[in-house]
C-alpha atoms as a PDB file:
ATOM      1  CA  MET A   1     257.338 134.474 -95.360  1.00  0.00           C
ATOM      2  CA  PRO A   2     254.347 136.586 -94.524  1.00  0.00           C
ATOM      3  CA  GLY A   3     252.830 138.692 -97.560  1.00  0.00           C
ATOM      4  CA  THR A   4     253.714 142.260 -98.084  1.00  0.00           C
ATOM      5  CA  LYS A   5     250.266 143.593 -96.917  1.00  0.00           C
ATOM      6  CA  GLU A   6     250.661 141.805 -93.426  1.00  0.00           C
ATOM      7  CA  ILE A   7     254.098 143.113 -93.081  1.00  0.00           C
ATOM      8  CA  ARG A   8     252.913 146.741 -93.951  1.00  0.00           C
ATOM      9  CA  VAL A   9     250.171 146.214 -91.334  1.00  0.00           C
ATOM     10  CA  LYS A  10     252.669 145.332 -88.765  1.00  0.00           C
ATOM     11  CA  ILE A  11     255.158 148.108 -89.690  1.00  0.00           C
ATOM     12  CA  LYS A  12     252.172 150.712 -89.295  1.00  0.00           C
ATOM     13  CA  SER A  13     251.154 149.250 -85.871  1.00  0.00           C
ATOM     14  CA  VAL A  14     254.680 149.527 -84.384  1.00  0.00           C
ATOM     15  CA  GLN A  15     254.880 153.000 -85.763  1.00  0.00           C
ATOM     16  CA  ASN A  16     251.803 154.034 -84.006  1.00  0.00           C
ATOM     17  CA  THR A  17     253.224 152.491 -80.756  1.00  0.00           C
ATOM     18  CA  ARG A  18     256.451 154.400 -81.240  1.00  0.00           C
ATOM     19  CA  LYS A  19     254.548 157.483 -81.511  1.00  0.00           C
ATOM     20  CA  ILE A  20     252.895 156.897 -78.172  1.00  0.00           C
ATOM     21  CA  THR A  21     256.029 155.734 -76.464  1.00  0.00           C
ATOM     22  CA  LYS A  22     258.007 158.901 -77.864  1.00  0.00           C
ATOM     23  CA  ALA A  23     255.142 161.289 -76.533  1.00  0.00           C
ATOM     24  CA  MET A  24     255.208 159.616 -73.108  1.00  0.00           C
ATOM     25  CA  GLU A  25     258.939 159.991 -72.981  1.00  0.00           C
ATOM     26  CA  MET A  26     258.654 163.743 -73.642  1.00  0.00           C
ATOM     27  CA  VAL A  27     256.072 164.288 -71.077  1.00  0.00           C
ATOM     28  CA  ALA A  28     257.935 162.329 -68.472  1.00  0.00           C
ATOM     29  CA  ALA A  29     261.217 164.321 -69.256  1.00  0.00           C
ATOM     30  CA  SER A  30     259.079 167.511 -68.906  1.00  0.00           C
ATOM     31  CA  LYS A  31     257.467 166.461 -65.340  1.00  0.00           C
ATOM     32  CA  MET A  32     261.054 164.920 -64.243  1.00  0.00           C
ATOM     33  CA  LYS A  33     262.561 168.243 -63.949  1.00  0.00           C
ATOM     34  CA  LYS A  34     260.186 169.920 -61.724  1.00  0.00           C
ATOM     35  CA  ALA A  35     259.833 166.701 -59.581  1.00  0.00           C
ATOM     36  CA  GLN A  36     263.516 166.629 -59.173  1.00  0.00           C
ATOM     37  CA  GLU A  37     263.580 170.217 -58.224  1.00  0.00           C
ATOM     38  CA  ARG A  38     260.961 169.882 -55.707  1.00  0.00           C
ATOM     39  CA  MET A  39     262.495 166.663 -54.104  1.00  0.00           C
ATOM     40  CA  ARG A  40     266.046 168.313 -53.932  1.00  0.00           C
ATOM     41  CA  SER A  41     264.629 171.416 -52.291  1.00  0.00           C
ATOM     42  CA  GLY A  42     262.953 169.243 -49.356  1.00  0.00           C
ATOM     43  CA  ARG A  43     266.183 167.396 -48.465  1.00  0.00           C
ATOM     44  CA  PRO A  44     267.828 170.186 -46.611  1.00  0.00           C
ATOM     45  CA  TYR A  45     264.565 171.096 -44.745  1.00  0.00           C
ATOM     46  CA  ALA A  46     264.255 167.398 -43.666  1.00  0.00           C
ATOM     47  CA  GLN A  47     267.810 167.401 -42.271  1.00  0.00           C
ATOM     48  CA  ARG A  48     267.555 170.615 -40.448  1.00  0.00           C
ATOM     49  CA  ILE A  49     264.229 169.849 -38.680  1.00  0.00           C
ATOM     50  CA  LEU A  50     265.663 166.528 -37.572  1.00  0.00           C
ATOM     51  CA  ASN A  51     268.604 168.224 -35.965  1.00  0.00           C
ATOM     52  CA  ILE A  52     266.570 170.891 -34.362  1.00  0.00           C
ATOM     53  CA  THR A  53     264.122 168.242 -32.935  1.00  0.00           C
ATOM     54  CA  MET A  54     266.966 166.166 -31.671  1.00  0.00           C
ATOM     55  CA  HIS A  55     268.705 169.181 -30.010  1.00  0.00           C
ATOM     56  CA  ALA A  56     265.373 170.217 -28.268  1.00  0.00           C
ATOM     57  CA  ALA A  57     264.749 166.618 -27.195  1.00  0.00           C
ATOM     58  CA  ARG A  58     268.267 166.166 -25.611  1.00  0.00           C
ATOM     59  CA  ALA A  59     268.321 169.707 -24.032  1.00  0.00           C
ATOM     60  CA  ASN A  60     265.119 168.829 -21.983  1.00  0.00           C
ATOM     61  CA  THR A  61     265.980 165.692 -20.216  1.00  0.00           C
ATOM     62  CA  GLU A  62     262.913 165.862 -18.052  1.00  0.00           C
ATOM     63  CA  TYR A  63     260.455 164.931 -20.624  1.00  0.00           C
ATOM     64  CA  LYS A  64     261.093 161.751 -22.833  1.00  0.00           C
ATOM     65  CA  HIS A  65     258.660 161.736 -25.870  1.00  0.00           C
ATOM     66  CA  PRO A  66     257.005 158.303 -26.771  1.00  0.00           C
ATOM     67  CA  LEU A  67     257.757 158.764 -30.238  1.00  0.00           C
ATOM     68  CA  LEU A  68     261.486 158.591 -29.298  1.00  0.00           C
ATOM     69  CA  THR A  69     261.231 155.654 -26.997  1.00  0.00           C
ATOM     70  CA  ARG A  70     261.989 152.125 -28.228  1.00  0.00           C
ATOM     71  CA  ARG A  71     259.659 149.342 -27.107  1.00  0.00           C
ATOM     72  CA  SER A  72     261.374 146.343 -25.324  1.00  0.00           C
ATOM     73  CA  GLU A  73     259.426 143.869 -27.403  1.00  0.00           C
ATOM     74  CA  VAL A  74     257.759 144.132 -30.978  1.00  0.00           C
ATOM     75  CA  LYS A  75     254.680 142.100 -31.475  1.00  0.00           C
ATOM     76  CA  ARG A  76     252.706 144.480 -33.939  1.00  0.00           C
ATOM     77  CA  VAL A  77     254.175 146.849 -36.731  1.00  0.00           C
ATOM     78  CA  GLY A  78     252.681 149.335 -39.107  1.00  0.00           C
ATOM     79  CA  ALA A  79     254.207 150.015 -42.589  1.00  0.00           C
ATOM     80  CA  VAL A  80     253.736 152.777 -44.876  1.00  0.00           C
ATOM     81  CA  VAL A  81     254.302 151.662 -48.578  1.00  0.00           C
ATOM     82  CA  ILE A  82     254.688 154.411 -51.138  1.00  0.00           C
ATOM     83  CA  THR A  83     254.419 153.370 -54.871  1.00  0.00           C
ATOM     84  CA  THR A  84     253.183 154.934 -58.196  1.00  0.00           C
ATOM     85  CA  ASP A  85     249.491 155.085 -59.233  1.00  0.00           C
ATOM     86  CA  LYS A  86     250.563 154.259 -62.755  1.00  0.00           C
ATOM     87  CA  GLY A  87     252.852 151.752 -64.482  1.00  0.00           C
ATOM     88  CA  LEU A  88     255.029 151.973 -67.461  1.00  0.00           C
ATOM     89  CA  CYS A  89     257.858 152.911 -65.320  1.00  0.00           C
ATOM     90  CA  GLY A  90     260.405 149.969 -65.630  1.00  0.00           C
ATOM     91  CA  GLY A  91     261.127 147.864 -62.596  1.00  0.00           C
ATOM     92  CA  LEU A  92     260.597 150.722 -60.151  1.00  0.00           C
ATOM     93  CA  ASN A  93     257.564 149.235 -58.235  1.00  0.00           C
ATOM     94  CA  THR A  94     258.720 145.696 -58.791  1.00  0.00           C
ATOM     95  CA  ASN A  95     261.899 146.446 -56.832  1.00  0.00           C
ATOM     96  CA  LEU A  96     260.272 148.096 -54.003  1.00  0.00           C
ATOM     97  CA  LEU A  97     257.551 145.466 -53.559  1.00  0.00           C
ATOM     98  CA  ARG A  98     259.967 142.686 -53.609  1.00  0.00           C
ATOM     99  CA  VAL A  99     261.622 144.352 -50.593  1.00  0.00           C
ATOM    100  CA  VAL A 100     258.127 144.738 -48.923  1.00  0.00           C
ATOM    101  CA  LEU A 101     257.349 140.878 -49.604  1.00  0.00           C
ATOM    102  CA  ASN A 102     260.615 139.847 -48.085  1.00  0.00           C
ATOM    103  CA  GLN A 103     260.088 141.923 -44.946  1.00  0.00           C
ATOM    104  CA  HIS A 104     256.521 140.761 -44.677  1.00  0.00           C
ATOM    105  CA  LYS A 105     257.544 137.096 -44.731  1.00  0.00           C
ATOM    106  CA  GLU A 106     260.284 137.852 -42.231  1.00  0.00           C
ATOM    107  CA  TRP A 107     257.641 139.421 -39.872  1.00  0.00           C
ATOM    108  CA  ILE A 108     255.189 136.749 -40.204  1.00  0.00           C
ATOM    109  CA  ALA A 109     257.855 134.158 -39.487  1.00  0.00           C
ATOM    110  CA  LYS A 110     258.569 135.817 -36.247  1.00  0.00           C
ATOM    111  CA  GLY A 111     254.886 135.960 -35.360  1.00  0.00           C
ATOM    112  CA  ILE A 112     254.718 139.753 -35.927  1.00  0.00           C
ATOM    113  CA  GLU A 113     251.356 141.235 -36.855  1.00  0.00           C
ATOM    114  CA  VAL A 114     251.572 143.719 -39.629  1.00  0.00           C
ATOM    115  CA  GLU A 115     249.090 146.422 -40.838  1.00  0.00           C
ATOM    116  CA  TYR A 116     249.700 148.619 -43.915  1.00  0.00           C
ATOM    117  CA  CYS A 117     249.043 152.275 -45.082  1.00  0.00           C
ATOM    118  CA  THR A 118     249.579 152.324 -48.853  1.00  0.00           C
ATOM    119  CA  ILE A 119     250.125 155.391 -50.940  1.00  0.00           C
ATOM    120  CA  GLY A 120     249.713 154.644 -54.525  1.00  0.00           C
ATOM    121  CA  ASN A 121     247.486 152.234 -56.629  1.00  0.00           C
ATOM    122  CA  LYS A 122     250.332 149.742 -57.208  1.00  0.00           C
ATOM    123  CA  GLY A 123     251.089 149.155 -53.607  1.00  0.00           C
ATOM    124  CA  PHE A 124     247.445 149.002 -52.701  1.00  0.00           C
ATOM    125  CA  GLY A 125     246.877 146.243 -55.300  1.00  0.00           C
ATOM    126  CA  PHE A 126     249.950 144.395 -54.170  1.00  0.00           C
ATOM    127  CA  VAL A 127     249.271 144.271 -50.516  1.00  0.00           C
ATOM    128  CA  ASN A 128     245.628 143.056 -51.146  1.00  0.00           C
ATOM    129  CA  ARG A 129     246.963 140.255 -53.353  1.00  0.00           C
ATOM    130  CA  MET A 130     249.591 139.390 -50.764  1.00  0.00           C
ATOM    131  CA  GLY A 131     246.846 139.079 -48.126  1.00  0.00           C
ATOM    132  CA  GLY A 132     248.169 141.976 -45.944  1.00  0.00           C
ATOM    133  CA  LYS A 133     245.861 143.910 -43.600  1.00  0.00           C
ATOM    134  CA  ILE A 134     245.341 147.508 -45.061  1.00  0.00           C
ATOM    135  CA  ALA A 135     244.485 150.026 -42.194  1.00  0.00           C
ATOM    136  CA  SER A 136     244.375 153.089 -44.738  1.00  0.00           C
ATOM    137  CA  GLN A 137     245.208 153.968 -48.371  1.00  0.00           C
ATOM    138  CA  VAL A 138     245.752 156.810 -50.771  1.00  0.00           C
ATOM    139  CA  VAL A 139     245.430 156.365 -54.419  1.00  0.00           C
ATOM    140  CA  ASN A 140     245.520 158.998 -57.339  1.00  0.00           C
ATOM    141  CA  TYR A 141     247.732 161.445 -55.319  1.00  0.00           C
ATOM    142  CA  GLY A 142     248.985 163.009 -58.556  1.00  0.00           C
ATOM    143  CA  ASP A 143     252.230 164.489 -59.632  1.00  0.00           C
ATOM    144  CA  HIS A 144     252.213 167.193 -56.991  1.00  0.00           C
ATOM    145  CA  PRO A 145     251.763 165.388 -53.431  1.00  0.00           C
ATOM    146  CA  SER A 146     249.435 167.294 -51.071  1.00  0.00           C
ATOM    147  CA  LEU A 147     250.420 166.955 -47.394  1.00  0.00           C
ATOM    148  CA  ASP A 148     246.761 166.994 -46.321  1.00  0.00           C
ATOM    149  CA  ARG A 149     246.061 163.883 -48.495  1.00  0.00           C
ATOM    150  CA  LEU A 150     249.118 162.066 -47.243  1.00  0.00           C
ATOM    151  CA  ILE A 151     249.238 162.633 -43.714  1.00  0.00           C
ATOM    152  CA  GLY A 152     245.681 161.717 -42.746  1.00  0.00           C
ATOM    153  CA  PRO A 153     246.041 157.869 -43.479  1.00  0.00           C
ATOM    154  CA  VAL A 154     249.719 157.754 -42.199  1.00  0.00           C
ATOM    155  CA  LYS A 155     248.339 159.318 -38.891  1.00  0.00           C
ATOM    156  CA  MET A 156     246.375 156.223 -38.364  1.00  0.00           C
ATOM    157  CA  LEU A 157     249.631 154.330 -37.788  1.00  0.00           C
ATOM    158  CA  ILE A 158     251.073 157.127 -35.768  1.00  0.00           C
ATOM    159  CA  ASP A 159     248.036 157.168 -33.557  1.00  0.00           C
ATOM    160  CA  GLY A 160     248.346 153.318 -33.259  1.00  0.00           C
ATOM    161  CA  TYR A 161     251.826 153.629 -31.951  1.00  0.00           C
ATOM    162  CA  LEU A 162     251.088 156.364 -29.416  1.00  0.00           C
ATOM    163  CA  GLU A 163     247.944 154.357 -28.210  1.00  0.00           C
ATOM    164  CA  GLY A 164     250.268 151.218 -27.774  1.00  0.00           C
ATOM    165  CA  ARG A 165     248.576 149.239 -30.307  1.00  0.00           C
ATOM    166  CA  LEU A 166     251.748 149.229 -32.466  1.00  0.00           C
ATOM    167  CA  ASP A 167     255.285 148.896 -31.466  1.00  0.00           C
ATOM    168  CA  GLU A 168     257.098 150.208 -34.428  1.00  0.00           C
ATOM    169  CA  VAL A 169     256.286 151.997 -37.801  1.00  0.00           C
ATOM    170  CA  HIS A 170     258.206 151.359 -40.983  1.00  0.00           C
ATOM    171  CA  ILE A 171     258.332 153.203 -44.215  1.00  0.00           C
ATOM    172  CA  PHE A 172     259.124 151.584 -47.631  1.00  0.00           C
ATOM    173  CA  ALA A 173     259.650 154.088 -50.558  1.00  0.00           C
ATOM    174  CA  THR A 174     262.047 154.485 -53.477  1.00  0.00           C
ATOM    175  CA  ARG A 175     264.936 156.751 -53.006  1.00  0.00           C
ATOM    176  CA  PHE A 176     266.094 158.937 -55.843  1.00  0.00           C
ATOM    177  CA  VAL A 177     269.779 158.738 -56.558  1.00  0.00           C
ATOM    178  CA  ASN A 178     270.060 160.043 -60.089  1.00  0.00           C
ATOM    179  CA  THR A 179     268.114 159.962 -63.352  1.00  0.00           C
ATOM    180  CA  MET A 180     269.267 156.443 -64.248  1.00  0.00           C
ATOM    181  CA  LYS A 181     269.247 154.990 -60.732  1.00  0.00           C
ATOM    182  CA  GLN A 182     266.688 154.688 -58.105  1.00  0.00           C
ATOM    183  CA  GLU A 183     266.914 152.446 -54.978  1.00  0.00           C
ATOM    184  CA  PRO A 184     264.197 150.776 -52.947  1.00  0.00           C
ATOM    185  CA  ALA A 185     264.616 151.873 -49.285  1.00  0.00           C
ATOM    186  CA  HIS A 186     263.134 150.545 -45.992  1.00  0.00           C
ATOM    187  CA  SER A 187     263.648 152.344 -42.840  1.00  0.00           C
ATOM    188  CA  THR A 188     261.992 152.720 -39.416  1.00  0.00           C
ATOM    189  CA  MET A 189     260.034 155.828 -39.090  1.00  0.00           C
ATOM    190  CA  ILE A 190     258.910 155.371 -35.391  1.00  0.00           C
ATOM    191  CA  PRO A 191     260.579 155.360 -32.949  1.00  0.00           C
ATOM    192  CA  ILE A 192     262.339 158.236 -34.792  1.00  0.00           C
ATOM    193  CA  PRO A 193     265.798 157.652 -35.501  1.00  0.00           C
ATOM    194  CA  GLN A 194     268.326 160.186 -34.492  1.00  0.00           C
ATOM    195  CA  GLU A 195     269.815 160.521 -37.970  1.00  0.00           C
ATOM    196  CA  TRP A 196     268.926 161.297 -41.595  1.00  0.00           C
ATOM    197  CA  VAL A 197     269.770 158.793 -44.453  1.00  0.00           C
ATOM    198  CA  LEU A 198     270.617 160.278 -47.728  1.00  0.00           C
ATOM    199  CA  PRO A 199     270.399 158.724 -51.055  1.00  0.00           C
ATOM    200  CA  GLY A 200     273.083 156.027 -51.534  1.00  0.00           C
ATOM    201  CA  GLY A 201     272.896 154.952 -47.837  1.00  0.00           C
ATOM    202  CA  GLN A 202     275.002 158.061 -46.544  1.00  0.00           C
ATOM    203  CA  VAL A 203     273.991 158.715 -42.978  1.00  0.00           C
ATOM    204  CA  MET A 204     273.895 162.349 -41.933  1.00  0.00           C
ATOM    205  CA  LYS A 205     274.225 162.620 -38.275  1.00  0.00           C
ATOM    206  CA  ASP A 206     274.764 165.796 -36.179  1.00  0.00           C
ATOM    207  CA  GLU A 207     277.650 164.805 -33.569  1.00  0.00           C
ATOM    208  CA  SER A 208     276.585 167.549 -31.294  1.00  0.00           C
ATOM    209  CA  VAL A 209     273.055 165.909 -30.838  1.00  0.00           C
ATOM    210  CA  GLY A 210     274.299 163.824 -27.933  1.00  0.00           C
ATOM    211  CA  ALA A 211     276.107 166.416 -26.178  1.00  0.00           C
ATOM    212  CA  GLY A 212     272.989 168.214 -24.682  1.00  0.00           C
ATOM    213  CA  ASN A 213     274.868 171.597 -24.303  1.00  0.00           C
ATOM    214  CA  TRP A 214     271.808 173.705 -25.020  1.00  0.00           C
ATOM    215  CA  ASP A 215     269.656 175.821 -22.765  1.00  0.00           C
ATOM    216  CA  TYR A 216     266.474 176.640 -24.511  1.00  0.00           C
ATOM    217  CA  LEU A 217     263.450 178.725 -23.184  1.00  0.00           C
ATOM    218  CA  TYR A 218     260.326 177.066 -24.200  1.00  0.00           C
ATOM    219  CA  GLU A 219     256.931 178.863 -24.890  1.00  0.00           C
ATOM    220  CA  PRO A 220     254.596 177.615 -23.811  1.00  0.00           C
ATOM    221  CA  ASP A 221     256.341 174.487 -22.526  1.00  0.00           C
ATOM    222  CA  PRO A 222     258.779 171.771 -23.492  1.00  0.00           C
ATOM    223  CA  LYS A 223     256.194 169.132 -23.983  1.00  0.00           C
ATOM    224  CA  SER A 224     254.131 171.198 -26.403  1.00  0.00           C
ATOM    225  CA  VAL A 225     257.035 172.249 -28.288  1.00  0.00           C
ATOM    226  CA  LEU A 226     258.562 168.801 -28.694  1.00  0.00           C
ATOM    227  CA  ASP A 227     255.048 167.482 -29.594  1.00  0.00           C
ATOM    228  CA  GLU A 228     254.708 169.990 -32.513  1.00  0.00           C
ATOM    229  CA  LEU A 229     258.303 169.466 -33.749  1.00  0.00           C
ATOM    230  CA  LEU A 230     258.016 165.653 -33.869  1.00  0.00           C
ATOM    231  CA  VAL A 231     254.757 165.768 -35.608  1.00  0.00           C
ATOM    232  CA  ARG A 232     256.199 168.183 -38.100  1.00  0.00           C
ATOM    233  CA  TYR A 233     259.197 165.825 -38.646  1.00  0.00           C
ATOM    234  CA  LEU A 234     257.081 162.885 -39.359  1.00  0.00           C
ATOM    235  CA  GLU A 235     254.983 164.889 -41.867  1.00  0.00           C
ATOM    236  CA  THR A 236     258.299 165.972 -43.621  1.00  0.00           C
ATOM    237  CA  VAL A 237     259.472 162.352 -43.710  1.00  0.00           C
ATOM    238  CA  VAL A 238     256.191 161.116 -45.484  1.00  0.00           C
ATOM    239  CA  TYR A 239     256.058 164.290 -47.892  1.00  0.00           C
ATOM    240  CA  GLN A 240     259.874 163.948 -48.800  1.00  0.00           C
ATOM    241  CA  ALA A 241     259.462 160.137 -49.334  1.00  0.00           C
ATOM    242  CA  ALA A 242     256.602 160.858 -51.806  1.00  0.00           C
ATOM    243  CA  SER A 243     258.426 163.669 -53.436  1.00  0.00           C
ATOM    244  CA  GLU A 244     261.303 161.266 -53.964  1.00  0.00           C
ATOM    245  CA  ASN A 245     259.008 158.471 -55.381  1.00  0.00           C
ATOM    246  CA  ILE A 246     257.438 161.027 -57.916  1.00  0.00           C
ATOM    247  CA  ALA A 247     261.091 162.040 -58.972  1.00  0.00           C
ATOM    248  CA  SER A 248     261.924 158.403 -59.286  1.00  0.00           C
ATOM    249  CA  GLU A 249     258.747 157.547 -61.189  1.00  0.00           C
ATOM    250  CA  GLN A 250     259.199 160.323 -63.888  1.00  0.00           C
ATOM    251  CA  SER A 251     262.940 159.459 -64.405  1.00  0.00           C
ATOM    252  CA  ALA A 252     262.279 155.599 -64.633  1.00  0.00           C
ATOM    253  CA  ARG A 253     259.269 156.311 -66.970  1.00  0.00           C
ATOM    254  CA  MET A 254     261.348 158.459 -69.207  1.00  0.00           C
ATOM    255  CA  VAL A 255     264.167 155.852 -69.401  1.00  0.00           C
ATOM    256  CA  ALA A 256     261.713 153.088 -69.987  1.00  0.00           C
ATOM    257  CA  MET A 257     259.846 154.951 -72.775  1.00  0.00           C
ATOM    258  CA  LYS A 258     263.105 155.829 -74.628  1.00  0.00           C
ATOM    259  CA  ALA A 259     264.078 152.275 -74.579  1.00  0.00           C
ATOM    260  CA  ALA A 260     260.715 151.208 -75.814  1.00  0.00           C
ATOM    261  CA  SER A 261     260.913 153.763 -78.500  1.00  0.00           C
ATOM    262  CA  ASP A 262     264.592 152.545 -79.556  1.00  0.00           C
ATOM    263  CA  ASN A 263     263.283 148.952 -79.599  1.00  0.00           C
ATOM    264  CA  ALA A 264     260.275 150.023 -81.852  1.00  0.00           C
ATOM    265  CA  ARG A 265     262.656 151.770 -84.206  1.00  0.00           C
ATOM    266  CA  ASN A 266     264.797 148.657 -84.541  1.00  0.00           C
ATOM    267  CA  ILE A 267     261.673 146.529 -85.065  1.00  0.00           C
ATOM    268  CA  ILE A 268     260.516 148.873 -87.837  1.00  0.00           C
ATOM    269  CA  GLU A 269     263.984 148.619 -89.510  1.00  0.00           C
ATOM    270  CA  GLU A 270     263.966 144.861 -89.304  1.00  0.00           C
ATOM    271  CA  LEU A 271     260.459 144.710 -90.739  1.00  0.00           C
ATOM    272  CA  GLN A 272     261.280 147.190 -93.495  1.00  0.00           C
ATOM    273  CA  LEU A 273     264.156 144.893 -94.474  1.00  0.00           C
ATOM    274  CA  VAL A 274     261.654 141.890 -94.514  1.00  0.00           C
ATOM    275  CA  TYR A 275     259.286 143.913 -96.560  1.00  0.00           C
ATOM    276  CA  ASN A 276     261.754 144.842 -99.191  1.00  0.00           C
ATOM    277  CA  LYS A 277     262.847 141.163 -99.593  1.00  0.00           C
ATOM    278  CA  SER A 278     259.417 139.945 -99.838  1.00  0.00           C
ATOM    279  CA  ARG A 279     258.643 142.803-102.289  1.00  0.00           C
ATOM    280  CA  GLN A 280     261.723 142.092-104.275  1.00  0.00           C
ATOM    281  CA  ALA A 281     260.966 138.274-104.466  1.00  0.00           C
ATOM    282  CA  ALA A 282     257.366 139.072-105.760  1.00  0.00           C
ATOM    283  CA  ILE A 283     258.823 141.259-108.548  1.00  0.00           C
ATOM    284  CA  THR A 284     261.274 138.676-109.394  1.00  0.00           C
ATOM    285  CA  LYS A 285     258.786 135.976-109.576  1.00  0.00           C
ATOM    286  CA  GLU A 286     256.484 138.139-111.774  1.00  0.00           C
ATOM    287  CA  LEU A 287     259.393 138.769-114.096  1.00  0.00           C
ATOM    288  CA  SER A 288     260.266 135.114-114.354  1.00  0.00           C
ATOM    289  CA  GLU A 289     256.586 134.396-115.117  1.00  0.00           C
ATOM    290  CA  ILE A 290     256.524 137.035-117.748  1.00  0.00           C
ATOM    291  CA  VAL A 291     259.927 135.654-119.352  1.00  0.00           C
ATOM    292  CA  GLY A 292     258.775 132.178-119.133  1.00  0.00           C
ATOM    293  CA  GLY A 293     255.474 133.112-120.846  1.00  0.00           C
ATOM    294  CA  ALA A 294     257.308 135.012-123.626  1.00  0.00           C
ATOM    295  CA  ALA A 295     259.602 132.124-124.247  1.00  0.00           C
ATOM    296  CA  ALA A 296     256.805 129.638-124.450  1.00  0.00           C
ATOM    297  CA  VAL A 297     255.261 131.807-127.163  1.00  0.00           C
END
């Protein structure tokens, strides 16, 4: 059994660790509420801009935008991977990067070339270790994502699709379900799907999109309007995915730090019990020595 001094040092060390995890839990809980509000406020906008864009695209049958056109053969794809910059958030990044790795292996097995745009330090490091080709990256994008910082690197993949260098662009991100549950998500970003997938896999699709019963007056012309709408939609997808990832990060970190604090408390209680037993044994030994010495005299 270790001595009382060693046990006291260990108890003090665990107590200091618990103070840190408790503080991180409180910080994450504070940031989590704002991140969730920002994420939830963006969902209706993303749904609405998709509906408007699809209505305008179907209403004008003369012009078919390349971002809506599916290629007959897929030889090269781009992938946007959105992760966190920091750790200590449970299995949030691990679950998403496992999906990325499995899909990467599937693409390579089919002879498809892949290039990545990584948003977040964890994804950047993982794709590097995996040996993937990184076309662009963003790190340290903070708790309040800026569209200017996010869309620039992603635009390299969008331009690659428009130039014919890429045949598809995919996006990997964590979808926020609730405070206790976050799901890794993989979806096709380009060609633009004519639906919006909500957390939990529910698909929102405007049934009237395919009817084409609208008569719009375009200013200046249909091509310019559709070009702007589709670019705004892609920007919304990237920003919303980053917002959902941040909300998921803060929620996962709060839960992970709470679990760490609870585990630290249990360890302290166990060590305190061991310390008391050790101290009691030392006192009993000293009393026995005193009694034995007195009897000998």
